[in-house]
Amino acid sequence: MGKLAVVSEELQTKVFVFENNGEGVTSSLTVTKY
């Protein structure tokens, strides 16, 4: 449970950052994918 909670918290943080940075994050994610 402990590890799962930490992973969940990290995902929430990434979503939060994504929502706040918008296009900048989207373009860097696209670069990472390809």
C-alpha atoms as a PDB file:
ATOM      1  CA  MET A   1       0.000   0.000   0.000  1.00  0.00           C
ATOM      2  CA  GLY A   2       2.811   2.391   0.852  1.00  0.00           C
ATOM      3  CA  LYS A   3       4.437   2.207  -2.573  1.00  0.00           C
ATOM      4  CA  LEU A   4       1.075   2.479  -4.310  1.00  0.00           C
ATOM      5  CA  ALA A   5       0.278   5.657  -2.370  1.00  0.00           C
ATOM      6  CA  VAL A   6       3.616   7.180  -3.382  1.00  0.00           C
ATOM      7  CA  VAL A   7       3.077   6.336  -7.064  1.00  0.00           C
ATOM      8  CA  SER A   8      -0.426   7.788  -6.908  1.00  0.00           C
ATOM      9  CA  GLU A   9       0.942  10.975  -5.364  1.00  0.00           C
ATOM     10  CA  GLU A  10       3.610  11.248  -8.074  1.00  0.00           C
ATOM     11  CA  LEU A  11       0.991  10.848 -10.808  1.00  0.00           C
ATOM     12  CA  GLN A  12      -1.154  13.565  -9.233  1.00  0.00           C
ATOM     13  CA  THR A  13       1.883  15.847  -9.151  1.00  0.00           C
ATOM     14  CA  LYS A  14       2.622  15.171 -12.834  1.00  0.00           C
ATOM     15  CA  VAL A  15      -0.996  15.893 -13.796  1.00  0.00           C
ATOM     16  CA  PHE A  16      -0.865  19.092 -11.730  1.00  0.00           C
ATOM     17  CA  VAL A  17       2.319  20.203 -13.480  1.00  0.00           C
ATOM     18  CA  PHE A  18       0.851  19.240 -16.856  1.00  0.00           C
ATOM     19  CA  GLU A  19      -2.272  21.334 -16.226  1.00  0.00           C
ATOM     20  CA  ASN A  20      -0.199  24.329 -15.142  1.00  0.00           C
ATOM     21  CA  ASN A  21       2.422  24.201 -17.909  1.00  0.00           C
ATOM     22  CA  GLY A  22       0.081  23.345 -20.763  1.00  0.00           C
ATOM     23  CA  GLU A  23       1.728  23.407 -24.189  1.00  0.00           C
ATOM     24  CA  GLY A  24       5.303  23.374 -22.885  1.00  0.00           C
ATOM     25  CA  VAL A  25       4.751  20.018 -21.206  1.00  0.00           C
ATOM     26  CA  THR A  26       2.828  18.667 -24.191  1.00  0.00           C
ATOM     27  CA  SER A  27       5.668  19.446 -26.601  1.00  0.00           C
ATOM     28  CA  SER A  28       8.323  17.932 -24.317  1.00  0.00           C
ATOM     29  CA  LEU A  29       6.185  14.792 -23.875  1.00  0.00           C
ATOM     30  CA  THR A  30       5.826  14.537 -27.653  1.00  0.00           C
ATOM     31  CA  VAL A  31       9.597  14.804 -28.078  1.00  0.00           C
ATOM     32  CA  THR A  32      10.076  12.087 -25.451  1.00  0.00           C
ATOM     33  CA  LYS A  33       7.666   9.739 -27.241  1.00  0.00           C
ATOM     34  CA  TYR A  34       9.423   9.862 -30.609  1.00  0.00           C
END
